[in-house]
Amino acid sequence: MPASRTAQYVALYRALETVERRRPPLFSDPYATRFLSPGLNRLVRLARRPRLHALIARYADFRAPGARTSAIGRTRIIDDVLRAAAAAGTRQLVILGAGFDCRAHRLPELAGTEVFEVDRLRTQAEKRARLPEARAGLHYVAVDFLRDDVAERLAAAGWDAARPTAFVWEGVTNYLTRDAVERVLALIGRTAPGGTLVFTYIHGGLLDGSVAFPGGDKMMSNVRTLGEPWTFGLHPHEVAPLLERFGLSPREDLGADDYRRRTGLPATGYAFYRLAVAEVAG
């Protein structure tokens, strides 16, 4: 099965940030290049030279305004949320729609954490072929969010719902249905108090046309052309009531400009891509 084009582009952005030399990189992902085509890998090798990095980043930003800085900004925010959860004693992490996420391998703070990567079987097979290194406490859980009982599959893999869990749901909800999103939120809300959820979503105004975002129409066209159209979004005012309905206490809800400012990135664009953090209230 060929790699998701959008997942490859996110891996490219992480690889480019890893070789950033004009400033301290926001994170290091030495595994990202394993998921790139030969052509994209050549770009990353060229980007090790600062002047060429600037040109390549500028071209990427022209092709998808704001996508690169949104991706690397939210990567750092999510990393920080997981570091805080681990420091507070959380020893279970569930990555929903893990795709090419390599946090289980690249974040030393997760060394003592049981990690459950949830995704389609074929996606996981491709990932394991490209990332064969063993990692104690890493479990691959094959799930189709539209059809399978996620809690049942996780429990069969050894996940304990009675222990606090950190959940990461990055770059996934926009490809699902409302029913599928609500089923997962209901599952998380039934887990042990003190757990954490960090997830991304698309501003509903982009999907229903009620809010105009610079570059929004272009991105909607791009993902349709790639065969990976966005199907679900939320208006920001919907997020807190939705989370509270499922026993989750909202902590933050950030637009791309917000998390770029927090991580020191000056670029704009992609403002329709948002990130929210919540705690399991019990």
Protein backbone atom coordinates (compact mmCIF):
# COMPACT_ATOMS: atom_id res chain seq x y z
CA MET A 1 0.00 0.00 0.00
CA PRO A 2 1.56 3.37 -0.95
CA ALA A 3 2.22 5.80 1.86
CA SER A 4 -0.35 8.51 2.51
CA ARG A 5 0.78 11.61 0.64
CA THR A 6 -0.30 13.93 3.45
CA ALA A 7 1.49 11.74 6.02
CA GLN A 8 4.64 11.91 3.89
CA TYR A 9 4.47 15.69 3.77
CA VAL A 10 4.15 15.90 7.56
CA ALA A 11 7.15 13.56 7.85
CA LEU A 12 9.00 15.88 5.45
CA TYR A 13 8.25 18.90 7.64
CA ARG A 14 9.54 17.02 10.70
CA ALA A 15 12.66 15.95 8.84
CA LEU A 16 13.33 19.53 7.71
CA GLU A 17 12.93 20.79 11.28
CA THR A 18 15.37 18.13 12.51
CA VAL A 19 18.10 19.45 10.19
CA GLU A 20 17.31 23.12 10.88
CA ARG A 21 20.56 24.99 11.59
CA ARG A 22 19.49 28.65 11.40
CA ARG A 23 18.01 28.39 14.91
CA PRO A 24 17.67 25.65 17.55
CA PRO A 25 15.22 23.07 16.15
CA LEU A 26 11.95 22.63 18.03
CA PHE A 27 12.50 18.87 18.21
CA SER A 28 14.52 16.05 16.68
CA ASP A 29 12.91 13.27 14.67
CA PRO A 30 15.75 11.18 13.20
CA TYR A 31 13.23 8.60 11.94
CA ALA A 32 11.16 10.91 9.73
CA THR A 33 13.29 10.39 6.61
CA ARG A 34 12.45 6.67 6.61
CA PHE A 35 8.93 7.49 5.48
CA LEU A 36 9.90 9.74 2.58
CA SER A 37 10.20 9.03 -1.12
CA PRO A 38 13.74 9.15 -2.59
CA GLY A 39 13.03 12.60 -4.04
CA LEU A 40 11.91 14.04 -0.71
CA ASN A 41 14.91 12.47 1.01
CA ARG A 42 17.18 14.28 -1.43
CA LEU A 43 15.54 17.56 -0.42
CA VAL A 44 16.25 16.85 3.24
CA ARG A 45 19.91 16.10 2.50
CA LEU A 46 20.19 19.40 0.61
CA ALA A 47 18.47 21.19 3.49
CA ARG A 48 21.40 20.44 5.79
CA ARG A 49 22.96 23.53 4.21
CA PRO A 50 21.26 26.57 5.82
CA ARG A 51 20.84 28.57 2.61
CA LEU A 52 19.28 25.64 0.80
CA HIS A 53 17.10 24.93 3.84
CA ALA A 54 15.71 28.43 3.58
CA LEU A 55 14.91 27.97 -0.12
CA ILE A 56 13.29 24.56 0.38
CA ALA A 57 11.22 25.78 3.33
CA ARG A 58 10.12 28.81 1.32
CA TYR A 59 8.99 26.60 -1.55
CA ALA A 60 7.13 24.25 0.82
CA ASP A 61 5.39 27.26 2.34
CA PHE A 62 4.43 28.51 -1.11
CA ARG A 63 2.90 25.16 -2.03
CA ALA A 64 0.90 24.89 1.23
CA PRO A 65 0.93 28.22 3.09
CA GLY A 66 1.31 27.69 6.82
CA ALA A 67 1.20 23.87 6.70
CA ARG A 68 4.88 23.34 7.56
CA THR A 69 5.01 25.73 10.49
CA SER A 70 1.65 24.48 11.75
CA ALA A 71 2.92 20.89 11.68
CA ILE A 72 6.19 21.58 13.48
CA GLY A 73 4.58 23.95 15.99
CA ARG A 74 1.94 21.43 17.00
CA THR A 75 4.55 18.65 17.12
CA ARG A 76 6.45 20.59 19.79
CA ILE A 77 3.26 21.42 21.73
CA ILE A 78 2.20 17.76 21.77
CA ASP A 79 5.70 16.65 22.78
CA ASP A 80 5.54 19.05 25.73
CA VAL A 81 2.11 17.77 26.79
CA LEU A 82 3.45 14.21 26.81
CA ARG A 83 6.57 15.19 28.73
CA ALA A 84 4.37 16.84 31.37
CA ALA A 85 2.12 13.78 31.58
CA ALA A 86 5.10 11.47 32.00
CA ALA A 87 6.58 13.75 34.68
CA ALA A 88 3.25 13.61 36.52
CA GLY A 89 3.41 9.81 36.58
CA THR A 90 1.29 8.77 33.58
CA ARG A 91 2.70 5.49 32.28
CA GLN A 92 0.32 4.69 29.44
CA LEU A 93 0.18 6.45 26.08
CA VAL A 94 -2.34 5.71 23.34
CA ILE A 95 -1.58 7.23 19.93
CA LEU A 96 -4.79 7.18 17.92
CA GLY A 97 -4.17 7.02 14.19
CA ALA A 98 -0.43 6.79 14.82
CA GLY A 99 0.60 6.74 11.17
CA PHE A 100 4.28 7.70 11.01
CA ASP A 101 4.43 9.09 14.57
CA CYS A 102 7.75 8.07 16.14
CA ARG A 103 7.38 9.56 19.61
CA ALA A 104 7.70 6.12 21.20
CA HIS A 105 11.22 5.97 19.77
CA ARG A 106 12.39 9.58 19.83
CA LEU A 107 11.19 10.95 23.21
CA PRO A 108 13.45 9.70 26.04
CA GLU A 109 10.85 10.84 28.57
CA LEU A 110 8.61 7.98 27.38
CA ALA A 111 11.17 5.27 28.11
CA GLY A 112 9.12 3.89 31.02
CA THR A 113 5.74 4.30 29.32
CA GLU A 114 3.64 1.57 27.73
CA VAL A 115 2.77 2.89 24.26
CA PHE A 116 -0.20 1.66 22.22
CA GLU A 117 -0.17 2.72 18.58
CA VAL A 118 -3.64 2.47 17.04
CA ASP A 119 -4.06 2.44 13.26
CA ARG A 120 -5.10 0.35 10.27
CA LEU A 121 -3.29 -2.97 9.91
CA ARG A 122 -1.83 -2.13 6.49
CA THR A 123 -0.51 1.23 7.71
CA GLN A 124 1.13 -0.49 10.67
CA ALA A 125 2.70 -3.13 8.44
CA GLU A 126 4.28 -0.42 6.31
CA LYS A 127 5.53 1.44 9.37
CA ARG A 128 7.05 -1.67 10.92
CA ALA A 129 8.84 -2.45 7.67
CA ARG A 130 10.42 1.02 7.67
CA LEU A 131 11.01 1.18 11.43
CA PRO A 132 12.04 -2.35 12.49
CA GLU A 133 13.78 -1.40 15.76
CA ALA A 134 12.33 -3.13 18.81
CA ARG A 135 11.13 -0.92 21.64
CA ALA A 136 10.08 -2.47 24.95
CA GLY A 137 6.50 -1.65 25.85
CA LEU A 138 5.37 -0.72 22.33
CA HIS A 139 2.14 -2.34 21.18
CA TYR A 140 0.60 -2.11 17.70
CA VAL A 141 -3.19 -2.20 17.83
CA ALA A 142 -4.95 -2.69 14.48
CA VAL A 143 -8.18 -0.66 14.34
CA ASP A 144 -10.54 0.85 11.79
CA PHE A 145 -12.13 3.80 13.60
CA LEU A 146 -15.24 3.61 11.43
CA ARG A 147 -15.93 -0.07 12.18
CA ASP A 148 -14.05 -1.45 15.19
CA ASP A 149 -14.48 -1.22 18.96
CA VAL A 150 -11.34 0.71 19.91
CA ALA A 151 -11.59 -0.05 23.65
CA GLU A 152 -11.94 -3.77 22.97
CA ARG A 153 -8.88 -3.83 20.71
CA LEU A 154 -6.82 -1.81 23.19
CA ALA A 155 -7.78 -4.05 26.12
CA ALA A 156 -6.79 -7.14 24.12
CA ALA A 157 -3.36 -5.55 23.61
CA GLY A 158 -2.86 -5.07 27.37
CA TRP A 159 -4.06 -1.48 27.88
CA ASP A 160 -5.56 -0.86 31.33
CA ALA A 161 -8.46 1.63 31.32
CA ALA A 162 -8.25 1.87 35.11
CA ARG A 163 -4.83 3.55 34.93
CA PRO A 164 -4.42 7.18 33.79
CA THR A 165 -3.59 7.40 30.09
CA ALA A 166 -2.31 10.10 27.78
CA PHE A 167 -4.06 10.10 24.40
CA VAL A 168 -2.68 11.71 21.25
CA TRP A 169 -5.06 12.11 18.31
CA GLU A 170 -3.13 14.14 15.75
CA GLY A 171 -4.19 14.69 12.15
CA VAL A 172 -7.03 12.16 12.31
CA THR A 173 -10.42 13.63 13.25
CA ASN A 174 -10.70 15.56 9.97
CA TYR A 175 -10.90 12.23 8.08
CA LEU A 176 -13.64 10.70 10.24
CA THR A 177 -17.38 11.05 10.82
CA ARG A 178 -18.98 12.77 13.81
CA ASP A 179 -20.18 9.41 15.12
CA ALA A 180 -16.67 7.96 14.99
CA VAL A 181 -15.21 11.01 16.76
CA GLU A 182 -17.84 10.88 19.49
CA ARG A 183 -17.32 7.16 20.07
CA VAL A 184 -13.63 7.75 20.72
CA LEU A 185 -14.31 10.72 23.01
CA ALA A 186 -16.79 8.59 24.96
CA LEU A 187 -14.13 5.91 25.37
CA ILE A 188 -11.55 8.41 26.64
CA GLY A 189 -14.06 9.98 29.02
CA ARG A 190 -14.63 6.59 30.68
CA THR A 191 -10.94 6.10 31.50
CA ALA A 192 -9.22 6.82 34.80
CA PRO A 193 -9.32 10.42 36.07
CA GLY A 194 -6.09 12.32 35.60
CA GLY A 195 -5.55 11.21 32.03
CA THR A 196 -4.86 13.66 29.21
CA LEU A 197 -6.13 14.08 25.67
CA VAL A 198 -4.43 16.23 23.03
CA PHE A 199 -6.04 16.27 19.60
CA THR A 200 -6.23 18.29 16.42
CA TYR A 201 -9.28 19.30 14.42
CA ILE A 202 -10.22 21.40 11.42
CA HIS A 203 -12.24 24.56 12.01
CA GLY A 204 -15.79 23.70 10.95
CA GLY A 205 -16.12 27.05 9.20
CA LEU A 206 -13.68 25.90 6.54
CA LEU A 207 -15.77 22.84 5.74
CA ASP A 208 -19.18 24.50 5.73
CA GLY A 209 -17.96 27.69 4.05
CA SER A 210 -19.07 30.00 6.85
CA VAL A 211 -15.54 31.29 7.58
CA ALA A 212 -13.02 32.38 4.96
CA PHE A 213 -9.42 31.43 5.72
CA PRO A 214 -6.43 32.57 3.63
CA GLY A 215 -5.30 29.53 1.69
CA GLY A 216 -8.26 27.47 2.88
CA ASP A 217 -9.79 26.80 -0.51
CA LYS A 218 -6.39 25.82 -1.88
CA MET A 219 -5.84 23.29 0.90
CA MET A 220 -9.31 21.80 0.49
CA SER A 221 -8.55 21.37 -3.20
CA ASN A 222 -5.11 19.90 -2.46
CA VAL A 223 -6.38 17.18 -0.12
CA ARG A 224 -9.17 16.26 -2.52
CA THR A 225 -6.63 15.96 -5.33
CA LEU A 226 -4.49 13.70 -3.13
CA GLY A 227 -7.54 11.48 -2.56
CA GLU A 228 -7.59 12.31 1.16
CA PRO A 229 -10.46 14.82 1.57
CA TRP A 230 -11.34 16.33 4.93
CA THR A 231 -14.74 15.19 6.14
CA PHE A 232 -15.18 16.45 9.72
CA GLY A 233 -14.59 19.68 11.58
CA LEU A 234 -15.70 21.62 14.63
CA HIS A 235 -16.38 25.27 15.29
CA PRO A 236 -14.26 26.31 18.29
CA HIS A 237 -17.33 27.20 20.34
CA GLU A 238 -18.48 23.56 20.00
CA VAL A 239 -15.34 22.03 21.45
CA ALA A 240 -15.72 22.63 25.19
CA PRO A 241 -19.40 21.50 25.36
CA LEU A 242 -18.54 18.41 23.31
CA LEU A 243 -15.65 17.46 25.58
CA GLU A 244 -17.64 18.10 28.75
CA ARG A 245 -20.46 15.94 27.45
CA PHE A 246 -18.05 12.99 27.55
CA GLY A 247 -16.49 13.70 30.95
CA LEU A 248 -13.49 15.63 29.68
CA SER A 249 -12.37 18.96 31.12
CA PRO A 250 -11.09 21.39 28.45
CA ARG A 251 -7.70 22.91 29.18
CA GLU A 252 -6.64 24.65 25.97
CA ASP A 253 -7.92 25.23 22.45
CA LEU A 254 -5.32 26.78 20.18
CA GLY A 255 -5.33 27.90 16.58
CA ALA A 256 -2.24 27.49 14.41
CA ASP A 257 -1.23 31.12 15.00
CA ASP A 258 -1.46 30.53 18.77
CA TYR A 259 0.81 27.50 18.86
CA ARG A 260 3.23 29.06 16.38
CA ARG A 261 3.59 32.09 18.67
CA ARG A 262 4.17 29.78 21.63
CA THR A 263 6.96 27.97 19.81
CA GLY A 264 8.53 31.12 18.36
CA LEU A 265 7.48 30.58 14.74
CA PRO A 266 6.56 33.81 12.93
CA ALA A 267 4.72 32.40 9.90
CA THR A 268 0.99 32.70 9.34
CA GLY A 269 -1.56 30.70 7.36
CA TYR A 270 -3.29 27.38 8.04
CA ALA A 271 -5.26 29.11 10.80
CA PHE A 272 -8.08 26.59 10.34
CA TYR A 273 -5.95 23.82 11.84
CA ARG A 274 -6.43 23.71 15.60
CA LEU A 275 -5.19 21.81 18.63
CA ALA A 276 -7.04 21.15 21.88
CA VAL A 277 -5.97 19.71 25.23
CA ALA A 278 -8.29 18.22 27.85
CA GLU A 279 -8.11 16.20 31.05
CA VAL A 280 -10.18 13.19 32.04
CA ALA A 281 -12.40 14.53 34.82
CA GLY A 282 -14.02 11.25 35.84
